[in-house]
C-alpha atoms as a PDB file:
ATOM      1  CA  LEU A   1      11.409  54.660   0.964  1.00  0.00           C
ATOM      2  CA  ASN A   2       8.357  54.951   3.246  1.00  0.00           C
ATOM      3  CA  MET A   3       6.075  54.932   0.196  1.00  0.00           C
ATOM      4  CA  ASP A   4       7.615  51.650  -0.997  1.00  0.00           C
ATOM      5  CA  HIS A   5       7.278  50.207   2.499  1.00  0.00           C
ATOM      6  CA  ASP A   6       3.616  51.304   2.652  1.00  0.00           C
ATOM      7  CA  LYS A   7       2.899  49.787  -0.764  1.00  0.00           C
ATOM      8  CA  LEU A   8       4.558  46.507   0.243  1.00  0.00           C
ATOM      9  CA  TYR A   9       2.665  46.449   3.530  1.00  0.00           C
ATOM     10  CA  SER A  10      -0.622  47.195   1.749  1.00  0.00           C
ATOM     11  CA  PHE A  11       0.048  44.479  -0.851  1.00  0.00           C
ATOM     12  CA  ALA A  12       0.891  41.879   1.828  1.00  0.00           C
ATOM     13  CA  PHE A  13      -2.104  42.884   3.957  1.00  0.00           C
ATOM     14  CA  ARG A  14      -4.476  42.615   0.973  1.00  0.00           C
ATOM     15  CA  GLY A  15      -3.023  39.158   0.269  1.00  0.00           C
ATOM     16  CA  LEU A  16      -3.711  38.049   3.854  1.00  0.00           C
ATOM     17  CA  LEU A  17      -7.274  39.389   3.651  1.00  0.00           C
ATOM     18  CA  THR A  18      -7.797  37.521   0.377  1.00  0.00           C
ATOM     19  CA  GLU A  19      -6.506  34.265   1.914  1.00  0.00           C
ATOM     20  CA  GLU A  20      -8.794  34.745   4.909  1.00  0.00           C
ATOM     21  CA  ALA A  21     -11.800  35.431   2.655  1.00  0.00           C
ATOM     22  CA  LEU A  22     -11.070  32.285   0.606  1.00  0.00           C
ATOM     23  CA  ASP A  23     -10.835  30.204   3.770  1.00  0.00           C
ATOM     24  CA  LYS A  24     -14.131  31.612   5.082  1.00  0.00           C
ATOM     25  CA  ALA A  25     -15.754  30.863   1.731  1.00  0.00           C
ATOM     26  CA  GLY A  26     -14.917  27.184   2.193  1.00  0.00           C
ATOM     27  CA  ARG A  27     -11.659  26.798   0.284  1.00  0.00           C
ATOM     28  CA  LYS A  28     -10.202  23.356   0.921  1.00  0.00           C
ATOM     29  CA  PRO A  29      -6.501  22.871   1.732  1.00  0.00           C
ATOM     30  CA  LYS A  30      -4.457  21.352  -1.126  1.00  0.00           C
ATOM     31  CA  GLY A  31      -3.979  18.058   0.702  1.00  0.00           C
ATOM     32  CA  ASP A  32      -7.649  17.797   1.626  1.00  0.00           C
ATOM     33  CA  PHE A  33      -9.549  14.612   0.854  1.00  0.00           C
ATOM     34  CA  SER A  34     -12.897  15.620  -0.558  1.00  0.00           C
ATOM     35  CA  GLU A  35     -15.843  14.111  -2.427  1.00  0.00           C
ATOM     36  CA  ALA A  36     -14.727  15.989  -5.550  1.00  0.00           C
ATOM     37  CA  TRP A  37     -11.222  14.496  -5.274  1.00  0.00           C
ATOM     38  CA  GLU A  38     -12.669  11.013  -4.737  1.00  0.00           C
ATOM     39  CA  LEU A  39     -15.019  11.347  -7.723  1.00  0.00           C
ATOM     40  CA  GLU A  40     -12.257  12.612 -10.020  1.00  0.00           C
ATOM     41  CA  THR A  41      -9.822   9.917  -8.871  1.00  0.00           C
ATOM     42  CA  SER A  42     -12.492   7.215  -9.264  1.00  0.00           C
ATOM     43  CA  LYS A  43     -12.947   8.275 -12.886  1.00  0.00           C
ATOM     44  CA  ARG A  44      -9.169   8.255 -13.506  1.00  0.00           C
ATOM     45  CA  LEU A  45      -8.990   4.714 -12.139  1.00  0.00           C
ATOM     46  CA  GLY A  46     -11.933   3.452 -14.181  1.00  0.00           C
ATOM     47  CA  ILE A  47     -14.010   2.545 -11.122  1.00  0.00           C
ATOM     48  CA  PRO A  48     -17.336   3.510 -12.784  1.00  0.00           C
ATOM     49  CA  LEU A  49     -16.620   0.822 -15.408  1.00  0.00           C
ATOM     50  CA  MET A  50     -16.248  -1.981 -12.849  1.00  0.00           C
ATOM     51  CA  ASP A  51     -18.801  -4.358 -11.345  1.00  0.00           C
ATOM     52  CA  GLU A  52     -20.795  -2.364  -8.784  1.00  0.00           C
ATOM     53  CA  GLY A  53     -20.908  -5.222  -6.254  1.00  0.00           C
ATOM     54  CA  PHE A  54     -17.114  -5.481  -6.159  1.00  0.00           C
ATOM     55  CA  VAL A  55     -16.789  -1.706  -5.907  1.00  0.00           C
ATOM     56  CA  VAL A  56     -19.210  -1.498  -2.959  1.00  0.00           C
ATOM     57  CA  LYS A  57     -17.425  -4.332  -1.128  1.00  0.00           C
ATOM     58  CA  SER A  58     -14.052  -2.685  -1.768  1.00  0.00           C
ATOM     59  CA  ARG A  59     -15.262   0.724  -0.582  1.00  0.00           C
ATOM     60  CA  LYS A  60     -16.486  -0.817   2.671  1.00  0.00           C
ATOM     61  CA  MET A  61     -13.115  -2.442   3.246  1.00  0.00           C
ATOM     62  CA  ALA A  62     -11.330   0.785   2.248  1.00  0.00           C
ATOM     63  CA  VAL A  63     -12.727   2.417   5.401  1.00  0.00           C
ATOM     64  CA  VAL A  64     -11.326  -0.411   7.537  1.00  0.00           C
ATOM     65  CA  TYR A  65      -8.004  -0.295   5.674  1.00  0.00           C
ATOM     66  CA  THR A  66      -7.813   3.473   6.279  1.00  0.00           C
ATOM     67  CA  ALA A  67      -8.095   2.920  10.028  1.00  0.00           C
ATOM     68  CA  ILE A  68      -5.494   0.134  10.053  1.00  0.00           C
ATOM     69  CA  CYS A  69      -3.076   2.041   7.801  1.00  0.00           C
ATOM     70  CA  ALA A  70      -3.328   5.221   9.886  1.00  0.00           C
ATOM     71  CA  PHE A  71      -2.854   3.163  13.056  1.00  0.00           C
ATOM     72  CA  GLU A  72       0.157   1.311  11.638  1.00  0.00           C
ATOM     73  CA  ASN A  73       1.870   4.545  10.664  1.00  0.00           C
ATOM     74  CA  SER A  74       1.108   6.102  14.052  1.00  0.00           C
ATOM     75  CA  VAL A  75       2.812   3.116  15.743  1.00  0.00           C
ATOM     76  CA  ARG A  76       5.798   3.511  13.405  1.00  0.00           C
ATOM     77  CA  GLU A  77       5.980   7.200  14.302  1.00  0.00           C
ATOM     78  CA  PHE A  78       5.692   6.389  18.023  1.00  0.00           C
ATOM     79  CA  VAL A  79       8.560   3.865  17.864  1.00  0.00           C
ATOM     80  CA  ALA A  80      10.799   6.139  15.770  1.00  0.00           C
ATOM     81  CA  LYS A  81      10.203   9.234  17.932  1.00  0.00           C
ATOM     82  CA  LYS A  82      10.753   7.349  21.175  1.00  0.00           C
ATOM     83  CA  LEU A  83      14.034   5.813  20.001  1.00  0.00           C
ATOM     84  CA  LEU A  84      15.223   9.096  18.510  1.00  0.00           C
ATOM     85  CA  GLU A  85      14.472  10.796  21.830  1.00  0.00           C
ATOM     86  CA  GLU A  86      16.263   8.100  23.867  1.00  0.00           C
ATOM     87  CA  LYS A  87      19.169   7.082  21.603  1.00  0.00           C
ATOM     88  CA  GLY A  88      19.668   9.968  19.182  1.00  0.00           C
ATOM     89  CA  GLU A  89      20.014  10.245  15.416  1.00  0.00           C
ATOM     90  CA  ASN A  90      21.715   6.846  15.060  1.00  0.00           C
ATOM     91  CA  TRP A  91      18.818   4.963  16.709  1.00  0.00           C
ATOM     92  CA  TRP A  92      18.162   2.794  13.630  1.00  0.00           C
ATOM     93  CA  LYS A  93      21.644   1.235  13.752  1.00  0.00           C
ATOM     94  CA  LEU A  94      21.758   1.087  17.552  1.00  0.00           C
ATOM     95  CA  CYS A  95      18.279  -0.230  18.324  1.00  0.00           C
ATOM     96  CA  VAL A  96      17.106  -2.381  15.409  1.00  0.00           C
ATOM     97  CA  LYS A  97      18.158  -6.005  14.878  1.00  0.00           C
ATOM     98  CA  LYS A  98      20.411  -6.590  11.877  1.00  0.00           C
ATOM     99  CA  GLU A  99      17.916  -8.890  10.129  1.00  0.00           C
ATOM    100  CA  ILE A 100      15.196  -6.210  10.310  1.00  0.00           C
ATOM    101  CA  GLN A 101      17.658  -3.598   9.030  1.00  0.00           C
ATOM    102  CA  ASP A 102      18.681  -5.879   6.161  1.00  0.00           C
ATOM    103  CA  LYS A 103      15.073  -6.633   5.218  1.00  0.00           C
ATOM    104  CA  ALA A 104      14.188  -2.918   5.265  1.00  0.00           C
ATOM    105  CA  ASP A 105      17.328  -2.029   3.269  1.00  0.00           C
ATOM    106  CA  GLY A 106      16.407  -4.666   0.663  1.00  0.00           C
ATOM    107  CA  ARG A 107      12.863  -3.346   0.403  1.00  0.00           C
ATOM    108  CA  LYS A 108      14.091   0.234   0.039  1.00  0.00           C
ATOM    109  CA  LYS A 109      16.664  -0.761  -2.593  1.00  0.00           C
ATOM    110  CA  SER A 110      14.157  -2.733  -4.670  1.00  0.00           C
ATOM    111  CA  GLU A 111      11.770   0.219  -4.613  1.00  0.00           C
ATOM    112  CA  LYS A 112      14.567   2.657  -5.452  1.00  0.00           C
ATOM    113  CA  ASP A 113      15.299   0.636  -8.602  1.00  0.00           C
ATOM    114  CA  VAL A 114      11.771   1.478  -9.771  1.00  0.00           C
ATOM    115  CA  ARG A 115      12.356   5.220 -10.084  1.00  0.00           C
ATOM    116  CA  TRP A 116       8.772   6.091 -10.996  1.00  0.00           C
ATOM    117  CA  LEU A 117       7.535   4.730  -7.639  1.00  0.00           C
ATOM    118  CA  THR A 118       7.172   7.269  -4.834  1.00  0.00           C
ATOM    119  CA  PRO A 119       9.347   6.391  -1.807  1.00  0.00           C
ATOM    120  CA  ARG A 120       7.485   5.231   1.328  1.00  0.00           C
ATOM    121  CA  GLY A 121       9.049   7.800   3.622  1.00  0.00           C
ATOM    122  CA  ASP A 122      12.219   9.391   4.895  1.00  0.00           C
ATOM    123  CA  SER A 123      12.784   7.029   7.815  1.00  0.00           C
ATOM    124  CA  MET A 124      13.839   3.394   7.424  1.00  0.00           C
ATOM    125  CA  ILE A 125      11.019   2.436   9.798  1.00  0.00           C
ATOM    126  CA  TYR A 126       8.592   2.899   6.885  1.00  0.00           C
ATOM    127  CA  TYR A 127      10.306  -0.026   5.139  1.00  0.00           C
ATOM    128  CA  THR A 128       9.685  -2.444   8.020  1.00  0.00           C
ATOM    129  CA  GLU A 129       6.799  -4.869   8.293  1.00  0.00           C
ATOM    130  CA  PHE A 130       4.083  -4.115  10.830  1.00  0.00           C
ATOM    131  CA  GLY A 131       5.157  -7.068  13.003  1.00  0.00           C
ATOM    132  CA  ASP A 132       8.764  -5.824  13.014  1.00  0.00           C
ATOM    133  CA  LEU A 133       7.629  -2.952  15.234  1.00  0.00           C
ATOM    134  CA  ILE A 134       6.972  -5.438  18.037  1.00  0.00           C
ATOM    135  CA  SER A 135      10.477  -6.904  17.623  1.00  0.00           C
ATOM    136  CA  ILE A 136      11.993  -3.426  17.801  1.00  0.00           C
ATOM    137  CA  MET A 137      10.048  -2.483  20.937  1.00  0.00           C
ATOM    138  CA  ALA A 138      10.586  -5.876  22.627  1.00  0.00           C
ATOM    139  CA  LYS A 139      14.351  -5.929  22.066  1.00  0.00           C
ATOM    140  CA  PRO A 140      15.653  -6.111  25.659  1.00  0.00           C
ATOM    141  CA  GLU A 141      17.682  -2.898  25.500  1.00  0.00           C
ATOM    142  CA  ASN A 142      14.716  -1.028  23.957  1.00  0.00           C
ATOM    143  CA  TRP A 143      11.879  -2.369  26.091  1.00  0.00           C
ATOM    144  CA  LYS A 144      12.648  -0.011  28.996  1.00  0.00           C
ATOM    145  CA  PHE A 145      11.709   2.922  26.746  1.00  0.00           C
ATOM    146  CA  PHE A 146       8.342   1.411  25.778  1.00  0.00           C
ATOM    147  CA  GLU A 147       7.247  -0.461  28.908  1.00  0.00           C
ATOM    148  CA  ILE A 148       6.032   2.719  30.604  1.00  0.00           C
ATOM    149  CA  HIS A 149       3.656   3.338  27.676  1.00  0.00           C
ATOM    150  CA  ILE A 150       2.630  -0.199  26.721  1.00  0.00           C
ATOM    151  CA  GLY A 151       2.875  -2.098  29.986  1.00  0.00           C
ATOM    152  CA  ASN A 152       2.719  -5.593  28.519  1.00  0.00           C
ATOM    153  CA  ILE A 153       4.453  -6.665  25.304  1.00  0.00           C
ATOM    154  CA  GLU A 154       2.100  -9.658  24.874  1.00  0.00           C
ATOM    155  CA  TRP A 155      -0.839  -7.239  24.777  1.00  0.00           C
ATOM    156  CA  ALA A 156       0.923  -5.186  22.089  1.00  0.00           C
ATOM    157  CA  LYS A 157       1.752  -8.364  20.105  1.00  0.00           C
ATOM    158  CA  GLN A 158      -1.899  -9.411  20.131  1.00  0.00           C
ATOM    159  CA  ILE A 159      -3.059  -6.011  18.869  1.00  0.00           C
ATOM    160  CA  ILE A 160      -0.454  -5.623  16.146  1.00  0.00           C
ATOM    161  CA  GLY A 161      -0.684  -9.281  15.091  1.00  0.00           C
ATOM    162  CA  THR A 162      -4.476  -9.147  14.748  1.00  0.00           C
ATOM    163  CA  LEU A 163      -4.430  -5.841  12.875  1.00  0.00           C
ATOM    164  CA  GLU A 164      -1.682  -7.080  10.562  1.00  0.00           C
ATOM    165  CA  LYS A 165      -3.735 -10.202   9.693  1.00  0.00           C
ATOM    166  CA  SER A 166      -6.849  -8.089   9.116  1.00  0.00           C
ATOM    167  CA  ARG A 167      -4.925  -5.681   6.909  1.00  0.00           C
ATOM    168  CA  ASN A 168      -3.515  -8.562   4.864  1.00  0.00           C
ATOM    169  CA  ILE A 169      -7.000  -9.990   4.260  1.00  0.00           C
ATOM    170  CA  ILE A 170      -8.167  -6.619   2.916  1.00  0.00           C
ATOM    171  CA  MET A 171      -4.998  -6.102   0.853  1.00  0.00           C
ATOM    172  CA  HIS A 172      -5.601  -9.444  -0.848  1.00  0.00           C
ATOM    173  CA  SER A 173      -9.156  -8.520  -1.874  1.00  0.00           C
ATOM    174  CA  GLY A 174     -10.834 -10.216   1.073  1.00  0.00           C
ATOM    175  CA  GLU A 175     -13.657  -8.938   3.225  1.00  0.00           C
ATOM    176  CA  LEU A 176     -13.837  -8.774   7.018  1.00  0.00           C
ATOM    177  CA  ALA A 177     -17.025  -9.740   8.860  1.00  0.00           C
ATOM    178  CA  PRO A 178     -18.673  -7.098  11.087  1.00  0.00           C
ATOM    179  CA  THR A 179     -17.327  -8.874  14.206  1.00  0.00           C
ATOM    180  CA  ASP A 180     -13.791  -8.689  12.768  1.00  0.00           C
ATOM    181  CA  ILE A 181     -14.254  -4.986  12.016  1.00  0.00           C
ATOM    182  CA  GLU A 182     -15.451  -4.370  15.577  1.00  0.00           C
ATOM    183  CA  ARG A 183     -12.382  -6.206  16.927  1.00  0.00           C
ATOM    184  CA  VAL A 184     -10.142  -3.944  14.822  1.00  0.00           C
ATOM    185  CA  GLY A 185     -11.912  -0.901  16.262  1.00  0.00           C
ATOM    186  CA  VAL A 186     -11.669  -2.166  19.847  1.00  0.00           C
ATOM    187  CA  TYR A 187      -7.941  -2.851  19.481  1.00  0.00           C
ATOM    188  CA  ILE A 188      -7.232   0.548  17.935  1.00  0.00           C
ATOM    189  CA  ARG A 189      -9.230   2.341  20.652  1.00  0.00           C
ATOM    190  CA  ASP A 190      -7.528   0.290  23.390  1.00  0.00           C
ATOM    191  CA  TRP A 191      -4.082   1.164  22.044  1.00  0.00           C
ATOM    192  CA  ILE A 192      -4.916   4.859  21.827  1.00  0.00           C
ATOM    193  CA  ARG A 193      -6.258   4.875  25.393  1.00  0.00           C
ATOM    194  CA  GLN A 194      -3.147   3.085  26.662  1.00  0.00           C
ATOM    195  CA  VAL A 195      -0.363   4.555  24.562  1.00  0.00           C
ATOM    196  CA  GLY A 196      -1.836   7.789  23.243  1.00  0.00           C
END
């Protein structure tokens, strides 16, 4: 019995050492975004076959879109976590206006009908529009949970409204000017400093 235990321990320990050696050698995590992944994906999408000018413009805007998308999802997560903490598991039904719930339900249902499409997320908040997050936070019975973090709902509306418009321009193949990009960055940094 001890021999089997020793063999198992030795096998597990060797496995841990191997994992550690691979990590030290520069192994990338499976979910890692790398140049190799980008190059391979670009080929799969046919990007090398497209007009270089359009590709360069799109890549520039992809950086801006990445920032806005990450910010948007962090705000969604902030709203969902805060309401879960304050109102419990049923926060979606208790804290979100019926019209926002209905719109999100419709969006989820239409995506569910297309079975090959990956779902947006587990929480219904991922089926809301960016601007809906302001409505959820500003709802009078919810505002008390957010006021301590945000301070002023008009400030939050300005940030989310501007970022939503900027995101929509990029999503519809438009390009933001450097001053617009700087504004996006200022608003994201301001929110992070204020809200966390």
